[in-house]
Structure formats: C-alpha cells, structure tokens
Amino acid sequence: MRLSLRYRLLLPLTLLLAGDVAATGWAAAAAARNAERQLAAQLWAVARTLTEAPGFPLTQPVLDQMKGLSGAEFLFLAPDGSPVSTLPGLTAAPAAAVPTVDPADDTDHRLGPPVVVGGAEYRCIRLPLRRTLRRTEGDLYIFTPEERRRAAVRDAAQPLLVLGGAGGVVAGGLALALGTGLVRRLSALDRHTRRIAGGDFRTVPVPGPTDEVADLFRAVNAMAEQLAEYREALGRAERLKVLGQFAGGLAHQLRNAAAGAKLSIELFLAENPTADPEPLRVALRQLARIEGNLRQFLTLGKPPPFAPRPCDLAALLEQAVNLARPRCQHAGIALRYGPPPVPVPLTGDPAQLAHLFGNLIDNAADAAGPGGDVAVSLTADAKGTAVEVSDTGPGPPPELTTKLFEPFVTGKPEGIGLGLAVAKQAADAHGAALAWRREDGRTVFRAAFPAVRPDPDYHNRHIPNPENGRKKAQKAQK
C-alpha cells in the first residue's frame, strides 16, 4: 500500500501530539488529586485539633471561629440530639450515609461523599467525639463546600491544561505547516523532474529556505542544464550525419561541374594566348575555392586532414581579400585591407587558412550588406599574430551570441550556419583563438595565432614567384 509522504510526516507528529495530550491530562489529574488531598489534610488537622485538644468545648462561638479559619461548615450533635451548627437551619445529620473516620489515622485523607444541605453541595465526614473535662461526647460533622473543592482542583489543573494544550496546539500547527510546506516543495520537485523526463530542460527557481530540498532543486537544475547541452550536441551530431549522407552525391556533382568549368577555362587560355588572362584566373581561383568549400562541407564534424608547411600568412590573407573583392564591388561594399610591409611566416595548412580567412570575410560582407564597410588587418609582433575582420553590420542576435561557432547556427534568413563553424575548425587546427566582440559600432572577429618571428627573407626562400609560375604554365600549355 502506497502511503503519501504527507501522512508519513504527519503520523509521527500526530502520535507525538496525542502523547503530549495524554501526558498533560495525566499531570492535570495528578495535580487535581494532590490539591484535593492538601485540602483534606487541612480539614483533618482542624478535626484533630477539635477532637484531641481537651480545652475546646464545641460551642457555637468555637465552631464559628473554626469555620472562619478553615472555610468548612460544622455540625455537632450531642447524644440527646441537641445541635450546634454553623449552617443556618441545619439541626440534624445528613440523610445520606456519611462515613465515620478516625482523625488519628493519617493513611488516607478524604473529604467524604457528596451531600446536599440547603440546596448547596458539600463533602461530609463524621467524627465521633469522646467525653473530656470541658466537652461532652457526641458526633462532629464537617461539611466541605463542593465549590471550594472544585476551585482548588481547577487552580491546580488549569495551568497544566492551558500550557500543555496550547503548547500541543502550537506544536501541532507548526508541524502541520512545516510538513505541508515540505510536501509542497517536494511536489514541485516531482513536477519539475517529470517535465525533464518529458524533454523540457528549462530550470526553475529554487523555492523555500536554503536546506537539503533546495540543494536537491539545484542538483536537478544542473542535471537539466547538462541534459539540454547533451541534447544540443546530439542534435548537432544527427544533423551532421544527415548532412553528410545528403551532401555526398550533391558534392560529387558540384565538384565534377567545377572541374569541367576549370578545364574549359584552361582550354580557352591555351587556345587564346593573346586574351587577357586575369579575369579567367580569378574565375579559376573561385572554382578552386568552390572545390575547397565542398571538401570542408563534407568533412565538417570530422578531424580535417592537416598538411602543414611553411607559408606566408600575409599572402594568404591578401589572396582571400582579392577573391572577395569582386563580390563586394558588385554589392557596393567597401573592402579595406592594408598588407604588412614584410611577409608573416607561419607553419600551417594553406587550404585551411584560406577557408578561415575566406569565411570570416564572407561573413563580414553578409553582415555589412550593400553600402557597408569591411576592414581586414594583420598584425604581428613578439606577442603573437592576429587577423581581424570587422564590419559595420548590426552584429549577431542576442540569442546566438554564445554559440556563433556551432554548426547550423545563423541569424541570416538564407544562411545555413556553416561558415563560422568551418572557420573555428580551421583556427583550432592551427592553435589559434577565434573570438568576436562589438567595438565602436562594429562587429570584430579576431583570430589570434601563436607568436612568430618576422623573417624578411621568408618570401624569397619559401614562396614561389607567381610570374615564374605563369611562365612555366604557358610553356607547359605550348
């Protein structure tokens, strides 16, 4: 049988409260009995005085004085039946059976059974008296007012009942309030965990005081945040898997088409040696970039092949700027770049670095829009090498600022969110830190590479002369 936590918490408290009530009742009853015994002991002391002292004749003044001292009523009946009474109209013994007691017996102090005299209720005992020098024999009746007995019992028991009862009620109320609050918080925690089980990983405010339940709430919130991160990672992995399956055939077709276009342009250059080759070379570079983008597209989410070799970072960046310049000119975007006076050597993968720079510049051009401005800079010193690409666009939406470099995250209506993910992958492969910021109304992306030492002779030793390359190509075509 399933027992609610509410009852499991309140049942021991209820039993404790019942025990408190029982203990309070027992203590009150004991106090009442003790008060009644004390009252009886006082009256018995008076009775011993009257019965044992030889100098007390039981006359009306003596009995009246004893009534004033003890608060009891007295009736003395001589053997001939003549009465002496402190109660007006009381001249005979009570009709009810009244026990005869011995005042010398201290084992049991009692007030006697209840009797009614003149419409009032009393407790009565009978003491037989022996003859003395100044007192005749007879029977002495002592009447203790029932109201006095009740007042003594009430005065003794009432404080215990009030304190015990009030304390029990307060303790029970506090226990009920605390138990109800605890059950309410646990019910909220149960609803929260059920929402998490249903796929809602939102965190909730921690209710109530700082205690173990609050710690449990914080632990469940942390679990929800981790599950949300795991779901996002799983979703990205699934999307990449589906993307890879979908893009396989399409990429092969696009690469074949790009290869055909390249062959056509190369054939045209071979057949028309007098034509201006520069626009066609730009087209060839764009087609080569398409092929490289397709390769990156297919390997996204996998460790890309890394083929490092000595290269000139300034030349690679200038090549990326030149590839993006026709597009910027067509859209009316100002593209500014001031190359450094000397080469900036770096050991890296030229293809991946080209993807890094090209995607950063394309992203800036998309953000700047027609009439915007894109600035590219390269700085190298003893602290390191940094490439910065800034634009006059409004910046990414606030909800995307923490996950710009994740795949499929984009704020562009026509974007698919792969450019910055590819750039981040290339930067990580080269040990570069890729970050972004807003500064003076511009969005700035910065790729910081490890420190390198500028080498003025690097270009002559490692970078082939483009003119020599063109001459070799023309000879090969002939």
Protein backbone atom coordinates (compact mmCIF):
# COMPACT_ATOMS: atom_id res chain seq x y z
CA MET A 1 0.00 0.00 0.00
CA ARG A 2 1.38 3.40 -1.01
CA LEU A 3 1.33 5.89 1.87
CA SER A 4 1.59 9.56 0.96
CA LEU A 5 4.63 11.41 2.23
CA ARG A 6 2.28 13.94 3.80
CA TYR A 7 0.81 11.26 6.07
CA ARG A 8 4.18 9.66 6.69
CA LEU A 9 5.39 13.02 8.00
CA LEU A 10 2.24 13.90 9.94
CA LEU A 11 1.56 10.50 11.50
CA PRO A 12 4.55 10.59 13.91
CA LEU A 13 3.73 14.20 14.74
CA THR A 14 0.10 13.25 15.42
CA LEU A 15 1.20 10.41 17.69
CA LEU A 16 3.58 12.78 19.48
CA LEU A 17 0.77 15.31 19.92
CA ALA A 18 -1.54 12.58 21.26
CA GLY A 19 1.18 11.59 23.72
CA ASP A 20 1.53 15.21 24.77
CA VAL A 21 -2.24 15.46 25.34
CA ALA A 22 -2.23 12.23 27.37
CA ALA A 23 0.73 13.38 29.46
CA THR A 24 -0.90 16.75 30.04
CA GLY A 25 -4.16 15.09 31.12
CA TRP A 26 -2.36 12.74 33.47
CA ALA A 27 -0.39 15.63 35.00
CA ALA A 28 -3.58 17.68 35.41
CA ALA A 29 -5.39 14.76 37.06
CA ALA A 30 -2.46 14.17 39.41
CA ALA A 31 -2.39 17.88 40.30
CA ALA A 32 -6.14 17.78 40.97
CA ARG A 33 -5.79 14.76 43.27
CA ASN A 34 -2.91 16.40 45.07
CA ALA A 35 -4.90 19.62 45.57
CA GLU A 36 -7.84 17.64 46.96
CA ARG A 37 -5.53 15.75 49.36
CA GLN A 38 -3.99 19.02 50.54
CA LEU A 39 -7.47 20.43 51.21
CA ALA A 40 -8.44 17.26 53.07
CA ALA A 41 -5.20 17.34 55.10
CA GLN A 42 -6.02 20.91 56.22
CA LEU A 43 -9.51 19.89 57.35
CA TRP A 44 -8.18 16.81 59.13
CA ALA A 45 -5.74 18.97 61.00
CA VAL A 46 -8.69 21.07 62.17
CA ALA A 47 -10.56 17.90 63.07
CA ARG A 48 -7.67 16.60 65.18
CA THR A 49 -7.49 19.93 66.94
CA LEU A 50 -11.18 19.82 67.82
CA THR A 51 -11.26 16.20 68.82
CA GLU A 52 -7.99 15.77 70.63
CA ALA A 53 -7.49 19.08 72.44
CA PRO A 54 -9.27 18.90 75.86
CA GLY A 55 -9.73 22.66 76.19
CA PHE A 56 -12.06 23.21 73.23
CA PRO A 57 -15.74 23.00 74.15
CA LEU A 58 -17.77 22.67 70.94
CA THR A 59 -19.91 25.70 71.43
CA GLN A 60 -21.34 27.99 68.78
CA PRO A 61 -18.55 30.63 69.07
CA VAL A 62 -15.83 27.96 68.78
CA LEU A 63 -17.37 26.39 65.70
CA ASP A 64 -17.92 29.81 64.09
CA GLN A 65 -14.25 30.63 64.68
CA MET A 66 -13.14 27.30 63.17
CA LYS A 67 -15.37 27.97 60.16
CA GLY A 68 -13.59 31.30 59.62
CA LEU A 69 -10.20 29.61 59.77
CA SER A 70 -10.92 26.56 57.64
CA GLY A 71 -13.78 27.64 55.32
CA ALA A 72 -15.75 24.50 56.24
CA GLU A 73 -19.17 24.19 57.93
CA PHE A 74 -19.59 22.28 61.20
CA LEU A 75 -22.46 20.45 62.99
CA PHE A 76 -22.14 18.98 66.48
CA LEU A 77 -24.84 16.63 67.72
CA ALA A 78 -24.90 15.70 71.41
CA PRO A 79 -26.18 12.27 72.47
CA ASP A 80 -29.57 13.83 73.29
CA GLY A 81 -29.76 15.24 69.75
CA SER A 82 -29.25 18.89 70.61
CA PRO A 83 -27.35 20.54 67.68
CA VAL A 84 -24.66 23.23 67.42
CA SER A 85 -24.30 24.26 63.74
CA THR A 86 -22.59 26.91 61.61
CA LEU A 87 -25.16 26.36 58.85
CA PRO A 88 -28.49 28.08 59.49
CA GLY A 89 -31.32 25.57 59.57
CA LEU A 90 -29.07 22.52 59.89
CA THR A 91 -30.19 20.71 63.04
CA ALA A 92 -29.92 17.02 62.08
CA ALA A 93 -27.43 14.66 60.49
CA PRO A 94 -27.49 14.34 56.69
CA ALA A 95 -29.88 11.79 55.25
CA ALA A 96 -27.11 10.26 53.15
CA ALA A 97 -24.72 7.73 54.58
CA VAL A 98 -21.69 9.52 55.95
CA PRO A 99 -18.55 7.52 56.79
CA THR A 100 -17.14 7.64 60.28
CA VAL A 101 -13.43 8.37 60.32
CA ASP A 102 -10.71 8.42 62.91
CA PRO A 103 -8.77 11.76 62.90
CA ALA A 104 -5.70 9.96 64.25
CA ASP A 105 -5.46 7.90 61.04
CA ASP A 106 -3.11 9.72 58.59
CA THR A 107 -3.11 7.00 55.98
CA ASP A 108 -5.96 8.34 53.86
CA HIS A 109 -7.13 11.92 53.93
CA ARG A 110 -10.58 12.14 52.38
CA LEU A 111 -13.30 14.76 52.16
CA GLY A 112 -16.14 12.26 52.25
CA PRO A 113 -19.06 11.66 49.92
CA PRO A 114 -21.17 14.46 48.44
CA VAL A 115 -24.28 15.61 50.33
CA VAL A 116 -26.79 18.40 49.70
CA VAL A 117 -27.66 20.80 52.51
CA GLY A 118 -29.95 23.78 51.90
CA GLY A 119 -29.61 23.38 48.15
CA ALA A 120 -25.80 23.52 48.30
CA GLU A 121 -23.45 20.61 47.66
CA TYR A 122 -20.85 19.60 50.26
CA ARG A 123 -18.44 16.80 51.07
CA CYS A 124 -19.13 15.42 54.53
CA ILE A 125 -17.31 13.27 57.13
CA ARG A 126 -18.35 12.23 60.68
CA LEU A 127 -16.01 12.21 63.65
CA PRO A 128 -17.13 10.54 66.93
CA LEU A 129 -16.02 12.51 70.00
CA ARG A 130 -15.25 11.21 73.47
CA ARG A 131 -16.12 13.00 76.66
CA THR A 132 -13.43 15.26 78.17
CA LEU A 133 -13.31 17.64 81.08
CA ARG A 134 -14.90 20.52 79.14
CA ARG A 135 -16.56 18.71 76.29
CA THR A 136 -19.34 16.19 76.16
CA GLU A 137 -19.36 13.24 73.81
CA GLY A 138 -21.23 13.31 70.53
CA ASP A 139 -20.76 13.39 66.73
CA LEU A 140 -18.99 16.17 64.80
CA TYR A 141 -19.91 16.57 61.12
CA ILE A 142 -17.55 18.57 58.86
CA PHE A 143 -19.00 19.91 55.59
CA THR A 144 -16.50 20.99 52.91
CA PRO A 145 -18.17 23.14 50.20
CA GLU A 146 -18.00 21.34 46.85
CA GLU A 147 -17.34 24.67 45.11
CA ARG A 148 -14.24 25.16 47.23
CA ARG A 149 -13.00 21.66 46.34
CA ARG A 150 -13.63 22.32 42.64
CA ALA A 151 -11.84 25.67 42.82
CA ALA A 152 -8.78 24.04 44.40
CA VAL A 153 -8.76 21.31 41.76
CA ARG A 154 -9.27 23.86 38.96
CA ASP A 155 -6.50 26.13 40.23
CA ALA A 156 -4.11 23.18 40.30
CA ALA A 157 -5.00 21.56 36.97
CA GLN A 158 -5.89 24.54 34.80
CA PRO A 159 -2.34 25.92 34.28
CA LEU A 160 -1.13 22.50 33.17
CA LEU A 161 -4.06 22.06 30.81
CA VAL A 162 -3.64 25.54 29.35
CA LEU A 163 0.12 25.30 28.93
CA GLY A 164 0.11 21.71 27.73
CA GLY A 165 -2.86 22.18 25.42
CA ALA A 166 -1.62 25.45 23.99
CA GLY A 167 1.85 24.02 23.54
CA GLY A 168 0.43 20.96 21.85
CA VAL A 169 -1.76 23.03 19.53
CA VAL A 170 1.14 25.35 18.64
CA ALA A 171 3.49 22.42 18.10
CA GLY A 172 0.86 20.63 16.02
CA GLY A 173 0.20 23.75 13.95
CA LEU A 174 3.90 24.32 13.35
CA ALA A 175 4.40 20.68 12.45
CA LEU A 176 1.44 20.79 10.08
CA ALA A 177 2.71 23.99 8.45
CA LEU A 178 6.26 22.68 8.10
CA GLY A 179 5.07 19.32 6.82
CA THR A 180 2.69 20.93 4.33
CA GLY A 181 5.42 23.30 3.09
CA LEU A 182 7.88 20.44 2.71
CA VAL A 183 5.34 18.32 0.85
CA ARG A 184 4.51 21.28 -1.42
CA ARG A 185 8.18 21.77 -2.29
CA LEU A 186 8.66 18.07 -2.92
CA SER A 187 5.57 18.07 -5.15
CA ALA A 188 7.06 20.97 -7.13
CA LEU A 189 10.29 19.00 -7.45
CA ASP A 190 8.32 15.97 -8.66
CA ARG A 191 6.60 18.10 -11.33
CA HIS A 192 9.98 19.53 -12.36
CA THR A 193 11.54 16.09 -12.77
CA ARG A 194 8.51 14.90 -14.76
CA ARG A 195 8.93 17.88 -17.12
CA ILE A 196 12.59 16.97 -17.55
CA ALA A 197 11.59 13.38 -18.29
CA GLY A 198 9.21 14.77 -20.92
CA GLY A 199 12.02 16.69 -22.64
CA ASP A 200 11.55 20.14 -21.06
CA PHE A 201 15.02 21.00 -19.74
CA ARG A 202 14.25 24.52 -18.51
CA THR A 203 15.48 25.33 -15.00
CA VAL A 204 13.12 26.60 -12.28
CA PRO A 205 13.68 28.99 -9.35
CA VAL A 206 14.67 27.27 -6.11
CA PRO A 207 11.73 27.65 -3.66
CA GLY A 208 11.82 27.89 0.11
CA PRO A 209 14.73 28.21 2.53
CA THR A 210 18.27 27.00 1.95
CA ASP A 211 18.18 23.39 3.06
CA GLU A 212 18.57 19.88 1.68
CA VAL A 213 15.49 20.24 -0.53
CA ALA A 214 16.94 23.43 -2.02
CA ASP A 215 20.20 21.57 -2.67
CA LEU A 216 18.18 18.87 -4.42
CA PHE A 217 16.46 21.51 -6.57
CA ARG A 218 19.84 22.96 -7.57
CA ALA A 219 21.16 19.49 -8.40
CA VAL A 220 18.11 18.79 -10.60
CA ASN A 221 18.55 22.19 -12.32
CA ALA A 222 22.20 21.36 -13.01
CA MET A 223 21.14 17.99 -14.39
CA ALA A 224 18.59 19.73 -16.65
CA GLU A 225 21.26 22.10 -17.99
CA GLN A 226 23.59 19.18 -18.74
CA LEU A 227 20.79 17.25 -20.44
CA ALA A 228 19.99 20.31 -22.56
CA GLU A 229 23.63 20.54 -23.60
CA TYR A 230 23.70 16.81 -24.38
CA ARG A 231 20.55 17.14 -26.47
CA GLU A 232 22.01 20.04 -28.43
CA ALA A 233 25.23 18.09 -29.02
CA LEU A 234 23.26 15.02 -30.08
CA GLY A 235 21.13 17.16 -32.38
CA ARG A 236 24.22 18.63 -34.00
CA ALA A 237 25.70 15.18 -34.45
CA GLU A 238 22.48 13.90 -36.02
CA ARG A 239 22.27 16.91 -38.33
CA LEU A 240 25.87 16.43 -39.39
CA LYS A 241 25.20 12.78 -40.07
CA VAL A 242 22.14 13.54 -42.18
CA LEU A 243 24.02 16.35 -43.88
CA GLY A 244 26.88 14.05 -44.76
CA GLN A 245 24.51 11.47 -46.23
CA PHE A 246 22.61 14.09 -48.20
CA ALA A 247 25.64 16.01 -49.40
CA GLY A 248 27.65 13.05 -50.69
CA GLY A 249 26.05 12.81 -54.10
CA LEU A 250 25.44 16.53 -54.42
CA ALA A 251 29.04 17.38 -53.62
CA HIS A 252 30.36 14.95 -56.21
CA GLN A 253 28.13 16.51 -58.85
CA LEU A 254 29.18 20.03 -57.90
CA ARG A 255 32.85 19.07 -57.88
CA ASN A 256 32.50 17.47 -61.29
CA ALA A 257 30.80 20.61 -62.59
CA ALA A 258 33.54 22.82 -61.11
CA ALA A 259 36.24 20.59 -62.59
CA GLY A 260 34.57 20.83 -66.02
CA ALA A 261 34.42 24.61 -65.75
CA LYS A 262 38.11 24.73 -64.83
CA LEU A 263 39.06 22.56 -67.78
CA SER A 264 37.04 24.79 -70.10
CA ILE A 265 38.75 27.94 -68.85
CA GLU A 266 42.19 26.36 -69.06
CA LEU A 267 41.44 25.18 -72.60
CA PHE A 268 40.31 28.68 -73.56
CA LEU A 269 43.53 30.17 -72.18
CA ALA A 270 45.59 27.62 -74.08
CA GLU A 271 43.77 28.34 -77.34
CA ASN A 272 43.76 32.12 -76.91
CA PRO A 273 47.18 33.13 -75.63
CA THR A 274 46.60 36.81 -76.56
CA ALA A 275 43.47 37.19 -74.43
CA ASP A 276 43.62 38.95 -71.06
CA PRO A 277 44.09 36.05 -68.63
CA GLU A 278 43.48 37.85 -65.33
CA PRO A 279 39.63 37.64 -65.16
CA LEU A 280 39.80 33.99 -66.10
CA ARG A 281 42.44 33.34 -63.47
CA VAL A 282 40.10 34.92 -60.90
CA ALA A 283 37.40 32.55 -62.12
CA LEU A 284 39.82 29.63 -61.74
CA ARG A 285 40.61 30.70 -58.20
CA GLN A 286 36.90 30.95 -57.41
CA LEU A 287 36.32 27.47 -58.82
CA ALA A 288 39.21 26.17 -56.75
CA ARG A 289 37.63 27.79 -53.73
CA ILE A 290 34.32 26.07 -54.52
CA GLU A 291 36.10 22.74 -54.56
CA GLY A 292 37.77 23.50 -51.25
CA ASN A 293 34.47 24.58 -49.68
CA LEU A 294 32.85 21.36 -50.81
CA ARG A 295 35.66 19.37 -49.21
CA GLN A 296 35.21 21.29 -45.96
CA PHE A 297 31.46 20.78 -46.20
CA LEU A 298 31.92 17.02 -46.49
CA THR A 299 34.47 16.79 -43.65
CA LEU A 300 32.62 19.12 -41.22
CA GLY A 301 32.46 17.48 -37.81
CA LYS A 302 35.44 15.24 -38.58
CA PRO A 303 39.10 15.95 -37.94
CA PRO A 304 40.15 17.57 -41.25
CA PRO A 305 43.37 16.46 -42.95
CA PHE A 306 46.16 18.73 -41.74
CA ALA A 307 49.09 19.24 -44.10
CA PRO A 308 51.28 21.94 -42.59
CA ARG A 309 54.07 23.61 -44.48
CA PRO A 310 55.81 26.99 -44.40
CA CYS A 311 53.58 29.70 -45.83
CA ASP A 312 53.11 33.45 -45.82
CA LEU A 313 50.10 34.49 -43.76
CA ALA A 314 50.04 37.94 -45.39
CA ALA A 315 49.91 36.44 -48.89
CA LEU A 316 47.12 34.02 -47.96
CA LEU A 317 45.09 36.83 -46.40
CA GLU A 318 45.62 39.07 -49.44
CA GLN A 319 44.50 36.23 -51.70
CA ALA A 320 41.31 35.83 -49.65
CA VAL A 321 40.66 39.59 -49.89
CA ASN A 322 41.16 39.54 -53.68
CA LEU A 323 38.72 36.63 -54.04
CA ALA A 324 36.06 38.53 -52.08
CA ARG A 325 36.66 41.91 -53.76
CA PRO A 326 34.54 41.36 -56.93
CA ARG A 327 31.55 40.35 -54.84
CA CYS A 328 31.97 43.38 -52.56
CA GLN A 329 32.30 45.73 -55.53
CA HIS A 330 29.14 44.31 -57.03
CA ALA A 331 27.22 44.86 -53.75
CA GLY A 332 28.70 48.31 -53.09
CA ILE A 333 30.61 47.16 -50.01
CA ALA A 334 33.88 48.92 -49.20
CA LEU A 335 36.56 46.25 -48.59
CA ARG A 336 39.71 47.67 -47.00
CA TYR A 337 42.96 45.84 -46.38
CA GLY A 338 46.49 47.13 -45.80
CA PRO A 339 49.04 44.32 -46.16
CA PRO A 340 52.10 44.40 -43.86
CA PRO A 341 55.40 45.56 -45.38
CA VAL A 342 57.07 42.18 -44.82
CA PRO A 343 55.85 38.59 -45.08
CA VAL A 344 54.41 36.97 -41.96
CA PRO A 345 55.69 33.39 -41.86
CA LEU A 346 53.61 30.63 -40.37
CA THR A 347 53.73 26.87 -40.49
CA GLY A 348 50.23 25.77 -41.31
CA ASP A 349 47.85 24.26 -43.82
CA PRO A 350 47.32 26.85 -46.60
CA ALA A 351 44.00 25.32 -47.64
CA GLN A 352 42.56 25.51 -44.14
CA LEU A 353 43.91 29.01 -43.58
CA ALA A 354 42.28 30.08 -46.86
CA HIS A 355 38.98 28.70 -45.58
CA LEU A 356 39.47 30.53 -42.28
CA PHE A 357 40.11 33.93 -43.86
CA GLY A 358 37.60 33.50 -46.70
CA ASN A 359 34.75 32.57 -44.36
CA LEU A 360 35.49 35.46 -41.98
CA ILE A 361 35.50 37.96 -44.87
CA ASP A 362 32.34 36.47 -46.45
CA ASN A 363 30.57 36.55 -43.10
CA ALA A 364 31.54 40.22 -42.62
CA ALA A 365 30.32 41.11 -46.12
CA ASP A 366 26.98 39.39 -45.49
CA ALA A 367 26.59 41.25 -42.18
CA ALA A 368 27.61 44.66 -43.58
CA GLY A 369 25.19 44.46 -46.51
CA PRO A 370 25.02 46.83 -49.51
CA GLY A 371 26.73 50.11 -48.75
CA GLY A 372 28.52 48.68 -45.72
CA ASP A 373 32.17 48.60 -44.81
CA VAL A 374 34.53 45.66 -44.18
CA ALA A 375 38.05 46.14 -42.82
CA VAL A 376 40.76 43.45 -42.74
CA SER A 377 44.01 43.81 -40.81
CA LEU A 378 47.04 41.68 -39.98
CA THR A 379 49.36 42.45 -37.08
CA ALA A 380 52.45 40.53 -35.99
CA ASP A 381 54.75 41.20 -33.06
CA ALA A 382 56.58 39.38 -30.30
CA LYS A 383 53.25 38.70 -28.54
CA GLY A 384 51.70 36.91 -31.48
CA THR A 385 49.98 37.28 -34.82
CA ALA A 386 46.37 38.40 -35.15
CA VAL A 387 43.99 38.69 -38.08
CA GLU A 388 40.98 40.93 -37.53
CA VAL A 389 37.94 41.26 -39.80
CA SER A 390 35.41 43.92 -38.83
CA ASP A 391 32.15 45.11 -40.40
CA THR A 392 29.51 47.77 -39.89
CA GLY A 393 26.67 45.28 -39.56
CA PRO A 394 24.30 45.18 -36.56
CA GLY A 395 26.02 42.18 -35.01
CA PRO A 396 24.59 38.74 -34.26
CA PRO A 397 21.21 38.38 -32.49
CA PRO A 398 21.46 38.19 -28.68
CA GLU A 399 20.18 34.62 -28.58
CA LEU A 400 23.06 33.44 -30.80
CA THR A 401 25.98 35.24 -29.15
CA THR A 402 27.12 32.23 -27.12
CA LYS A 403 27.00 29.68 -29.97
CA LEU A 404 28.08 31.54 -33.10
CA PHE A 405 30.76 29.00 -33.96
CA GLU A 406 28.46 25.96 -33.74
CA PRO A 407 27.27 24.28 -36.96
CA PHE A 408 23.87 25.35 -38.32
CA VAL A 409 23.71 28.43 -36.08
CA THR A 410 22.95 31.53 -38.15
CA GLY A 411 20.96 34.71 -37.98
CA LYS A 412 20.75 35.10 -41.78
CA PRO A 413 17.47 34.19 -43.49
CA GLU A 414 19.31 32.42 -46.32
CA GLY A 415 22.27 31.12 -44.30
CA ILE A 416 22.88 27.55 -43.20
CA GLY A 417 25.34 28.35 -40.39
CA LEU A 418 28.48 26.60 -41.64
CA GLY A 419 30.91 29.45 -42.44
CA LEU A 420 31.92 30.34 -38.90
CA ALA A 421 31.89 26.66 -37.89
CA VAL A 422 34.42 25.90 -40.66
CA ALA A 423 36.50 28.94 -39.62
CA LYS A 424 36.51 27.75 -35.99
CA GLN A 425 37.59 24.28 -37.06
CA ALA A 426 40.49 25.69 -39.08
CA ALA A 427 41.53 28.02 -36.26
CA ASP A 428 41.53 25.18 -33.74
CA ALA A 429 43.67 23.08 -36.06
CA HIS A 430 46.34 25.84 -36.00
CA GLY A 431 46.14 26.51 -32.26
CA ALA A 432 44.56 29.93 -32.89
CA ALA A 433 41.99 31.54 -30.63
CA LEU A 434 38.95 32.71 -32.61
CA ALA A 435 36.63 35.17 -30.83
CA TRP A 436 34.37 38.12 -31.61
CA ARG A 437 33.33 41.40 -29.97
CA ARG A 438 31.39 44.60 -30.59
CA GLU A 439 33.54 47.72 -30.66
CA ASP A 440 32.63 51.27 -31.74
CA GLY A 441 29.56 50.11 -33.61
CA ARG A 442 31.41 47.37 -35.49
CA THR A 443 31.49 43.59 -35.18
CA VAL A 444 35.10 42.39 -34.94
CA PHE A 445 36.24 38.79 -35.41
CA ARG A 446 39.80 38.12 -34.25
CA ALA A 447 41.94 35.06 -34.97
CA ALA A 448 45.00 35.14 -32.67
CA PHE A 449 47.85 32.81 -33.70
CA PRO A 450 50.85 31.82 -31.59
CA ALA A 451 53.80 34.20 -31.67
CA VAL A 452 56.03 34.09 -34.78
CA ARG A 453 59.23 35.90 -35.64
CA PRO A 454 59.08 38.07 -38.81
CA ASP A 455 61.60 36.99 -41.46
CA PRO A 456 62.33 39.45 -44.34
CA ASP A 457 63.88 36.63 -46.46
CA TYR A 458 60.95 34.26 -45.89
CA HIS A 459 59.25 35.22 -49.14
CA ASN A 460 62.34 34.60 -51.28
CA ARG A 461 63.07 31.23 -49.68
CA HIS A 462 59.63 29.71 -49.36
CA ILE A 463 57.08 31.48 -51.52
CA PRO A 464 57.33 30.77 -55.28
CA ASN A 465 57.36 33.73 -57.64
CA PRO A 466 53.91 33.96 -59.33
CA GLU A 467 55.49 35.28 -62.56
CA ASN A 468 57.77 32.25 -62.76
CA GLY A 469 54.77 30.04 -62.19
CA ARG A 470 52.84 31.67 -65.01
CA LYS A 471 55.77 31.27 -67.38
CA LYS A 472 56.04 27.60 -66.52
CA ALA A 473 52.33 27.14 -67.13
CA GLN A 474 52.49 28.82 -70.52
CA LYS A 475 55.42 26.62 -71.52
CA ALA A 476 53.53 23.54 -70.44
CA GLN A 477 50.48 24.57 -72.45
CA LYS A 478 52.62 25.10 -75.57
